[in-house]
PDB file of N, CA and C in Angstrom:
ATOM      1  N   UNK A   1       6.798 -16.363  -3.376  1.00  0.00           N
ATOM      2  CA  UNK A   1       6.574 -15.329  -4.360  1.00  0.00           C
ATOM      3  C   UNK A   1       6.729 -13.957  -3.715  1.00  0.00           C
ATOM      4  N   UNK A   2       7.182 -13.020  -4.514  1.00  0.00           N
ATOM      5  CA  UNK A   2       7.385 -11.667  -4.083  1.00  0.00           C
ATOM      6  C   UNK A   2       6.515 -10.743  -4.893  1.00  0.00           C
ATOM      7  N   UNK A   3       6.071  -9.649  -4.249  1.00  0.00           N
ATOM      8  CA  UNK A   3       5.286  -8.629  -4.942  1.00  0.00           C
ATOM      9  C   UNK A   3       6.051  -7.325  -4.899  1.00  0.00           C
ATOM     10  N   UNK A   4       5.863  -6.524  -5.924  1.00  0.00           N
ATOM     11  CA  UNK A   4       6.457  -5.190  -5.993  1.00  0.00           C
ATOM     12  C   UNK A   4       5.415  -4.261  -6.545  1.00  0.00           C
ATOM     13  N   UNK A   5       5.152  -3.191  -5.814  1.00  0.00           N
ATOM     14  CA  UNK A   5       4.178  -2.196  -6.296  1.00  0.00           C
ATOM     15  C   UNK A   5       4.897  -0.901  -6.650  1.00  0.00           C
ATOM     16  N   UNK A   6       4.618  -0.439  -7.860  1.00  0.00           N
ATOM     17  CA  UNK A   6       5.230   0.773  -8.374  1.00  0.00           C
ATOM     18  C   UNK A   6       4.216   1.847  -8.615  1.00  0.00           C
ATOM     19  N   UNK A   7       4.622   3.089  -8.443  1.00  0.00           N
ATOM     20  CA  UNK A   7       3.804   4.225  -8.847  1.00  0.00           C
ATOM     21  C   UNK A   7       4.345   4.670 -10.224  1.00  0.00           C
ATOM     22  N   UNK A   8       3.477   4.664 -11.207  1.00  0.00           N
ATOM     23  CA  UNK A   8       3.853   4.957 -12.586  1.00  0.00           C
ATOM     24  C   UNK A   8       3.036   6.093 -13.137  1.00  0.00           C
ATOM     25  N   UNK A   9       3.719   7.103 -13.695  1.00  0.00           N
ATOM     26  CA  UNK A   9       2.993   8.205 -14.315  1.00  0.00           C
ATOM     27  C   UNK A   9       2.958   8.016 -15.837  1.00  0.00           C
ATOM     28  N   UNK A  10       1.919   8.567 -16.447  1.00  0.00           N
ATOM     29  CA  UNK A  10       1.791   8.481 -17.898  1.00  0.00           C
ATOM     30  C   UNK A  10       0.701   7.571 -18.373  1.00  0.00           C
ATOM     31  N   UNK A  11       0.089   6.817 -17.440  1.00  0.00           N
ATOM     32  CA  UNK A  11      -1.018   5.939 -17.827  1.00  0.00           C
ATOM     33  C   UNK A  11      -2.281   6.791 -17.885  1.00  0.00           C
ATOM     34  N   UNK A  12      -3.029   6.718 -18.991  1.00  0.00           N
ATOM     35  CA  UNK A  12      -4.212   7.515 -19.163  1.00  0.00           C
ATOM     36  C   UNK A  12      -5.491   6.718 -19.415  1.00  0.00           C
ATOM     37  N   UNK A  13      -5.354   5.423 -19.768  1.00  0.00           N
ATOM     38  CA  UNK A  13      -6.529   4.646 -20.139  1.00  0.00           C
ATOM     39  C   UNK A  13      -6.235   3.157 -19.980  1.00  0.00           C
ATOM     40  N   UNK A  14      -7.246   2.342 -20.252  1.00  0.00           N
ATOM     41  CA  UNK A  14      -7.081   0.892 -20.138  1.00  0.00           C
ATOM     42  C   UNK A  14      -6.103   0.363 -21.185  1.00  0.00           C
ATOM     43  N   UNK A  15      -5.949   1.093 -22.288  1.00  0.00           N
ATOM     44  CA  UNK A  15      -4.966   0.693 -23.304  1.00  0.00           C
ATOM     45  C   UNK A  15      -3.562   0.774 -22.758  1.00  0.00           C
ATOM     46  N   UNK A  16      -3.294   1.789 -21.951  1.00  0.00           N
ATOM     47  CA  UNK A  16      -1.957   1.927 -21.296  1.00  0.00           C
ATOM     48  C   UNK A  16      -1.759   0.751 -20.356  1.00  0.00           C
ATOM     49  N   UNK A  17      -2.771   0.392 -19.608  1.00  0.00           N
ATOM     50  CA  UNK A  17      -2.710  -0.754 -18.682  1.00  0.00           C
ATOM     51  C   UNK A  17      -2.307  -2.016 -19.437  1.00  0.00           C
ATOM     52  N   UNK A  18      -2.976  -2.211 -20.590  1.00  0.00           N
ATOM     53  CA  UNK A  18      -2.723  -3.424 -21.393  1.00  0.00           C
ATOM     54  C   UNK A  18      -1.296  -3.406 -21.932  1.00  0.00           C
ATOM     55  N   UNK A  19      -0.826  -2.285 -22.405  1.00  0.00           N
ATOM     56  CA  UNK A  19       0.547  -2.180 -22.921  1.00  0.00           C
ATOM     57  C   UNK A  19       1.554  -2.555 -21.846  1.00  0.00           C
ATOM     58  N   UNK A  20       1.358  -2.011 -20.663  1.00  0.00           N
ATOM     59  CA  UNK A  20       2.271  -2.320 -19.532  1.00  0.00           C
ATOM     60  C   UNK A  20       2.217  -3.788 -19.150  1.00  0.00           C
ATOM     61  N   UNK A  21       1.038  -4.333 -19.007  1.00  0.00           N
ATOM     62  CA  UNK A  21       0.910  -5.747 -18.619  1.00  0.00           C
ATOM     63  C   UNK A  21       1.544  -6.654 -19.660  1.00  0.00           C
ATOM     64  N   UNK A  22       1.272  -6.416 -20.916  1.00  0.00           N
ATOM     65  CA  UNK A  22       1.836  -7.267 -21.988  1.00  0.00           C
ATOM     66  C   UNK A  22       3.344  -7.198 -22.030  1.00  0.00           C
ATOM     67  N   UNK A  23       3.903  -6.024 -21.833  1.00  0.00           N
ATOM     68  CA  UNK A  23       5.349  -5.854 -21.911  1.00  0.00           C
ATOM     69  C   UNK A  23       6.046  -6.491 -20.693  1.00  0.00           C
ATOM     70  N   UNK A  24       5.516  -6.259 -19.523  1.00  0.00           N
ATOM     71  CA  UNK A  24       6.188  -6.718 -18.301  1.00  0.00           C
ATOM     72  C   UNK A  24       6.048  -8.204 -18.072  1.00  0.00           C
ATOM     73  N   UNK A  25       4.925  -8.801 -18.472  1.00  0.00           N
ATOM     74  CA  UNK A  25       4.742 -10.218 -18.225  1.00  0.00           C
ATOM     75  C   UNK A  25       5.678 -11.072 -19.045  1.00  0.00           C
ATOM     76  N   UNK A  26       6.299 -10.475 -20.066  1.00  0.00           N
ATOM     77  CA  UNK A  26       7.268 -11.206 -20.901  1.00  0.00           C
ATOM     78  C   UNK A  26       8.680 -11.188 -20.351  1.00  0.00           C
ATOM     79  N   UNK A  27       8.886 -10.502 -19.258  1.00  0.00           N
ATOM     80  CA  UNK A  27      10.200 -10.470 -18.617  1.00  0.00           C
ATOM     81  C   UNK A  27      10.361 -11.737 -17.745  1.00  0.00           C
ATOM     82  N   UNK A  28      11.480 -12.407 -17.946  1.00  0.00           N
ATOM     83  CA  UNK A  28      11.731 -13.632 -17.215  1.00  0.00           C
ATOM     84  C   UNK A  28      11.657 -13.397 -15.691  1.00  0.00           C
ATOM     85  N   UNK A  29      10.901 -14.244 -15.003  1.00  0.00           N
ATOM     86  CA  UNK A  29      10.756 -14.121 -13.571  1.00  0.00           C
ATOM     87  C   UNK A  29       9.456 -13.489 -13.146  1.00  0.00           C
ATOM     88  N   UNK A  30       8.768 -12.795 -14.084  1.00  0.00           N
ATOM     89  CA  UNK A  30       7.521 -12.121 -13.766  1.00  0.00           C
ATOM     90  C   UNK A  30       6.366 -13.131 -13.941  1.00  0.00           C
ATOM     91  N   UNK A  31       5.597 -13.262 -12.877  1.00  0.00           N
ATOM     92  CA  UNK A  31       4.431 -14.193 -12.931  1.00  0.00           C
ATOM     93  C   UNK A  31       3.177 -13.465 -13.423  1.00  0.00           C
ATOM     94  N   UNK A  32       2.892 -12.298 -12.837  1.00  0.00           N
ATOM     95  CA  UNK A  32       1.711 -11.564 -13.278  1.00  0.00           C
ATOM     96  C   UNK A  32       1.885 -10.074 -13.042  1.00  0.00           C
ATOM     97  N   UNK A  33       1.070  -9.287 -13.758  1.00  0.00           N
ATOM     98  CA  UNK A  33       1.121  -7.849 -13.706  1.00  0.00           C
ATOM     99  C   UNK A  33      -0.295  -7.297 -13.653  1.00  0.00           C
ATOM    100  N   UNK A  34      -0.516  -6.346 -12.762  1.00  0.00           N
ATOM    101  CA  UNK A  34      -1.808  -5.626 -12.702  1.00  0.00           C
ATOM    102  C   UNK A  34      -1.465  -4.144 -12.768  1.00  0.00           C
ATOM    103  N   UNK A  35      -2.106  -3.443 -13.695  1.00  0.00           N
ATOM    104  CA  UNK A  35      -1.910  -2.003 -13.799  1.00  0.00           C
ATOM    105  C   UNK A  35      -3.228  -1.309 -13.669  1.00  0.00           C
ATOM    106  N   UNK A  36      -3.230  -0.129 -13.031  1.00  0.00           N
ATOM    107  CA  UNK A  36      -4.457   0.644 -12.825  1.00  0.00           C
ATOM    108  C   UNK A  36      -4.162   2.093 -13.169  1.00  0.00           C
ATOM    109  N   UNK A  37      -4.709   2.560 -14.294  1.00  0.00           N
ATOM    110  CA  UNK A  37      -4.425   3.920 -14.735  1.00  0.00           C
ATOM    111  C   UNK A  37      -5.067   4.965 -13.850  1.00  0.00           C
ATOM    112  N   UNK A  38      -6.122   4.625 -13.117  1.00  0.00           N
ATOM    113  CA  UNK A  38      -6.792   5.599 -12.244  1.00  0.00           C
ATOM    114  C   UNK A  38      -5.903   5.913 -11.022  1.00  0.00           C
ATOM    115  N   UNK A  39      -5.230   4.892 -10.490  1.00  0.00           N
ATOM    116  CA  UNK A  39      -4.375   5.109  -9.302  1.00  0.00           C
ATOM    117  C   UNK A  39      -2.914   5.298  -9.677  1.00  0.00           C
ATOM    118  N   UNK A  40      -2.546   4.900 -10.901  1.00  0.00           N
ATOM    119  CA  UNK A  40      -1.172   4.980 -11.352  1.00  0.00           C
ATOM    120  C   UNK A  40      -0.297   3.889 -10.760  1.00  0.00           C
ATOM    121  N   UNK A  41      -0.929   2.830 -10.251  1.00  0.00           N
ATOM    122  CA  UNK A  41      -0.165   1.744  -9.645  1.00  0.00           C
ATOM    123  C   UNK A  41      -0.003   0.540 -10.561  1.00  0.00           C
ATOM    124  N   UNK A  42       1.137  -0.038 -10.480  1.00  0.00           N
ATOM    125  CA  UNK A  42       1.458  -1.319 -11.177  1.00  0.00           C
ATOM    126  C   UNK A  42       1.942  -2.291 -10.127  1.00  0.00           C
ATOM    127  N   UNK A  43       1.246  -3.418 -10.004  1.00  0.00           N
ATOM    128  CA  UNK A  43       1.648  -4.464  -9.053  1.00  0.00           C
ATOM    129  C   UNK A  43       2.149  -5.647  -9.831  1.00  0.00           C
ATOM    130  N   UNK A  44       3.359  -6.080  -9.467  1.00  0.00           N
ATOM    131  CA  UNK A  44       4.000  -7.177 -10.158  1.00  0.00           C
ATOM    132  C   UNK A  44       4.274  -8.304  -9.188  1.00  0.00           C
ATOM    133  N   UNK A  45       3.912  -9.523  -9.583  1.00  0.00           N
ATOM    134  CA  UNK A  45       4.183 -10.708  -8.797  1.00  0.00           C
ATOM    135  C   UNK A  45       5.250 -11.524  -9.495  1.00  0.00           C
ATOM    136  N   UNK A  46       6.204 -12.022  -8.750  1.00  0.00           N
ATOM    137  CA  UNK A  46       7.369 -12.706  -9.302  1.00  0.00           C
ATOM    138  C   UNK A  46       7.338 -14.187  -8.910  1.00  0.00           C
ATOM    139  N   UNK A  47       7.931 -15.010  -9.784  1.00  0.00           N
ATOM    140  CA  UNK A  47       8.074 -16.432  -9.525  1.00  0.00           C
ATOM    141  C   UNK A  47       9.152 -16.650  -8.424  1.00  0.00           C
ATOM    142  N   UNK A  48      10.158 -15.802  -8.444  1.00  0.00           N
ATOM    143  CA  UNK A  48      11.291 -16.024  -7.548  1.00  0.00           C
ATOM    144  C   UNK A  48      11.685 -14.702  -6.877  1.00  0.00           C
ATOM    145  N   UNK A  49      12.925 -14.618  -6.509  1.00  0.00           N
ATOM    146  CA  UNK A  49      13.463 -13.466  -5.808  1.00  0.00           C
ATOM    147  C   UNK A  49      13.473 -12.212  -6.692  1.00  0.00           C
ATOM    148  N   UNK A  50      13.183 -11.073  -6.118  1.00  0.00           N
ATOM    149  CA  UNK A  50      13.219  -9.795  -6.839  1.00  0.00           C
ATOM    150  C   UNK A  50      14.633  -9.213  -6.645  1.00  0.00           C
ATOM    151  N   UNK A  51      15.372  -9.230  -7.744  1.00  0.00           N
ATOM    152  CA  UNK A  51      16.763  -8.731  -7.699  1.00  0.00           C
ATOM    153  C   UNK A  51      16.841  -7.299  -8.218  1.00  0.00           C
ATOM    154  N   UNK A  52      17.937  -6.627  -7.942  1.00  0.00           N
ATOM    155  CA  UNK A  52      18.150  -5.285  -8.483  1.00  0.00           C
ATOM    156  C   UNK A  52      18.170  -5.291 -10.004  1.00  0.00           C
ATOM    157  N   UNK A  53      18.760  -6.368 -10.565  1.00  0.00           N
ATOM    158  CA  UNK A  53      18.818  -6.493 -12.017  1.00  0.00           C
ATOM    159  C   UNK A  53      17.416  -6.572 -12.619  1.00  0.00           C
ATOM    160  N   UNK A  54      16.556  -7.332 -11.965  1.00  0.00           N
ATOM    161  CA  UNK A  54      15.162  -7.467 -12.435  1.00  0.00           C
ATOM    162  C   UNK A  54      14.413  -6.149 -12.313  1.00  0.00           C
ATOM    163  N   UNK A  55      14.635  -5.419 -11.212  1.00  0.00           N
ATOM    164  CA  UNK A  55      14.008  -4.097 -11.034  1.00  0.00           C
ATOM    165  C   UNK A  55      14.423  -3.175 -12.165  1.00  0.00           C
ATOM    166  N   UNK A  56      15.697  -3.196 -12.511  1.00  0.00           N
ATOM    167  CA  UNK A  56      16.201  -2.292 -13.553  1.00  0.00           C
ATOM    168  C   UNK A  56      15.598  -2.681 -14.918  1.00  0.00           C
ATOM    169  N   UNK A  57      15.432  -3.979 -15.185  1.00  0.00           N
ATOM    170  CA  UNK A  57      14.822  -4.409 -16.454  1.00  0.00           C
ATOM    171  C   UNK A  57      13.400  -3.866 -16.546  1.00  0.00           C
ATOM    172  N   UNK A  58      12.682  -3.967 -15.468  1.00  0.00           N
ATOM    173  CA  UNK A  58      11.267  -3.497 -15.445  1.00  0.00           C
ATOM    174  C   UNK A  58      11.237  -1.986 -15.635  1.00  0.00           C
ATOM    175  N   UNK A  59      12.058  -1.237 -14.912  1.00  0.00           N
ATOM    176  CA  UNK A  59      12.065   0.225 -15.055  1.00  0.00           C
ATOM    177  C   UNK A  59      12.440   0.617 -16.498  1.00  0.00           C
ATOM    178  N   UNK A  60      13.427  -0.054 -17.055  1.00  0.00           N
ATOM    179  CA  UNK A  60      13.838   0.236 -18.428  1.00  0.00           C
ATOM    180  C   UNK A  60      12.719  -0.037 -19.410  1.00  0.00           C
ATOM    181  N   UNK A  61      12.020  -1.176 -19.201  1.00  0.00           N
ATOM    182  CA  UNK A  61      10.918  -1.498 -20.107  1.00  0.00           C
ATOM    183  C   UNK A  61       9.817  -0.455 -20.023  1.00  0.00           C
ATOM    184  N   UNK A  62       9.491   0.001 -18.825  1.00  0.00           N
ATOM    185  CA  UNK A  62       8.474   1.046 -18.674  1.00  0.00           C
ATOM    186  C   UNK A  62       8.902   2.343 -19.344  1.00  0.00           C
ATOM    187  N   UNK A  63      10.148   2.693 -19.181  1.00  0.00           N
ATOM    188  CA  UNK A  63      10.673   3.924 -19.823  1.00  0.00           C
ATOM    189  C   UNK A  63      10.626   3.826 -21.337  1.00  0.00           C
ATOM    190  N   UNK A  64      10.910   2.639 -21.872  1.00  0.00           N
ATOM    191  CA  UNK A  64      10.830   2.455 -23.319  1.00  0.00           C
ATOM    192  C   UNK A  64       9.408   2.603 -23.848  1.00  0.00           C
ATOM    193  N   UNK A  65       8.432   2.291 -22.976  1.00  0.00           N
ATOM    194  CA  UNK A  65       7.050   2.463 -23.325  1.00  0.00           C
ATOM    195  C   UNK A  65       6.547   3.897 -23.063  1.00  0.00           C
ATOM    196  N   UNK A  66       7.490   4.752 -22.616  1.00  0.00           N
ATOM    197  CA  UNK A  66       7.236   6.161 -22.324  1.00  0.00           C
ATOM    198  C   UNK A  66       6.390   6.402 -21.089  1.00  0.00           C
ATOM    199  N   UNK A  67       6.567   5.539 -20.083  1.00  0.00           N
ATOM    200  CA  UNK A  67       6.002   5.748 -18.758  1.00  0.00           C
ATOM    201  C   UNK A  67       7.136   6.055 -17.810  1.00  0.00           C
ATOM    202  N   UNK A  68       6.800   6.676 -16.693  1.00  0.00           N
ATOM    203  CA  UNK A  68       7.848   7.085 -15.743  1.00  0.00           C
ATOM    204  C   UNK A  68       7.548   6.442 -14.365  1.00  0.00           C
ATOM    205  N   UNK A  69       8.583   5.785 -13.829  1.00  0.00           N
ATOM    206  CA  UNK A  69       8.466   5.189 -12.491  1.00  0.00           C
ATOM    207  C   UNK A  69       8.797   6.257 -11.477  1.00  0.00           C
ATOM    208  N   UNK A  70       7.897   6.458 -10.517  1.00  0.00           N
ATOM    209  CA  UNK A  70       8.157   7.418  -9.448  1.00  0.00           C
ATOM    210  C   UNK A  70       8.940   6.701  -8.346  1.00  0.00           C
ATOM    211  N   UNK A  71      10.024   7.309  -7.952  1.00  0.00           N
ATOM    212  CA  UNK A  71      10.867   6.710  -6.899  1.00  0.00           C
ATOM    213  C   UNK A  71      10.405   7.175  -5.537  1.00  0.00           C
TER     214      UNK A  71
END
């Protein structure tokens, strides 16, 4: 399993955490998601290899939810 930790801006409450977790856990290959609005971190665990395509899907999904991934 692989983990990926992202710094995400725009999370303000536990509702934001829930929206992120619900959206990202539905992406194929994602095993679990933890979001923390206080630190702005999102930790994602994958079933398999983390590919560039999968990274882009996750970033796109976050942007659609109006959050911003810090590079």
